[in-house]
Amino acid sequence: MQPVSESVSQSPASAARPQSVDSVPASRPGGPVYRVIRRNGKTTAFDDTKIRVAMTKAFLAVEGG
């Protein structure tokens, strides 16, 4: 992940990736805006609630809840 304000073309490998950006609002207005490249190559806004849910599910799967 990298903030949107940073340059995307830092290496030749990143130039090969598709650079389509969806117009999805950031999860925190006023804070840094992060973009995530999904498995299918689509670029979406970082959503901390999805990370929270995934971590909870992983914890419950390991600890048996």
Protein backbone atom coordinates (compact mmCIF):
# COMPACT_ATOMS: atom_id res chain seq x y z
CA MET A 1 0.00 0.00 0.00
CA GLN A 2 1.08 3.55 -0.58
CA PRO A 3 -0.52 6.94 -0.05
CA VAL A 4 -2.08 8.41 -3.16
CA SER A 5 0.18 11.46 -2.90
CA GLU A 6 3.30 9.34 -3.54
CA SER A 7 4.47 8.63 -7.05
CA VAL A 8 3.21 5.32 -8.41
CA SER A 9 5.95 4.84 -11.02
CA GLN A 10 8.80 3.95 -8.67
CA SER A 11 9.91 0.75 -10.39
CA PRO A 12 9.50 -0.89 -13.81
CA ALA A 13 7.35 -3.63 -12.24
CA SER A 14 4.79 -1.09 -11.09
CA ALA A 15 4.54 0.34 -14.62
CA ALA A 16 3.15 -2.99 -15.85
CA ARG A 17 0.20 -2.88 -13.44
CA PRO A 18 -3.10 -1.35 -14.54
CA GLN A 19 -3.49 2.13 -13.11
CA SER A 20 -7.30 2.44 -13.09
CA VAL A 21 -8.55 4.22 -9.99
CA ASP A 22 -12.16 4.03 -8.87
CA SER A 23 -13.81 7.08 -7.38
CA VAL A 24 -14.44 5.51 -3.98
CA PRO A 25 -14.27 7.91 -1.02
CA ALA A 26 -11.65 7.29 1.67
CA SER A 27 -12.72 5.62 4.89
CA ARG A 28 -11.38 8.56 6.94
CA PRO A 29 -11.88 12.03 5.50
CA GLY A 30 -8.94 14.30 6.23
CA GLY A 31 -6.49 11.45 6.82
CA PRO A 32 -4.14 9.80 4.36
CA VAL A 33 -5.87 8.08 1.46
CA TYR A 34 -4.61 4.56 0.79
CA ARG A 35 -5.45 2.47 -2.27
CA VAL A 36 -5.44 -1.34 -2.30
CA ILE A 37 -4.84 -3.49 -5.38
CA ARG A 38 -7.20 -6.45 -5.08
CA ARG A 39 -6.52 -9.97 -6.34
CA ASN A 40 -8.43 -9.29 -9.55
CA GLY A 41 -6.29 -6.21 -10.28
CA LYS A 42 -8.98 -3.68 -9.37
CA THR A 43 -7.89 -0.68 -7.28
CA THR A 44 -10.13 0.23 -4.33
CA ALA A 45 -9.97 2.47 -1.28
CA PHE A 46 -8.58 1.01 1.95
CA ASP A 47 -11.38 0.07 4.35
CA ASP A 48 -10.30 -0.49 7.95
CA THR A 49 -13.63 -2.12 8.88
CA LYS A 50 -12.92 -4.97 6.46
CA ILE A 51 -9.52 -5.50 8.10
CA ARG A 52 -11.16 -5.51 11.53
CA VAL A 53 -13.72 -8.14 10.47
CA ALA A 54 -11.05 -10.32 8.84
CA MET A 55 -8.84 -10.19 11.95
CA THR A 56 -11.81 -11.10 14.18
CA LYS A 57 -12.72 -14.06 11.96
CA ALA A 58 -9.11 -15.27 11.91
CA PHE A 59 -8.84 -15.00 15.71
CA LEU A 60 -12.07 -16.91 16.24
CA ALA A 61 -10.99 -19.61 13.78
CA VAL A 62 -7.69 -20.14 15.61
CA GLU A 63 -8.94 -19.75 19.19
CA GLY A 64 -12.29 -21.49 18.59
CA GLY A 65 -15.02 -19.05 19.45
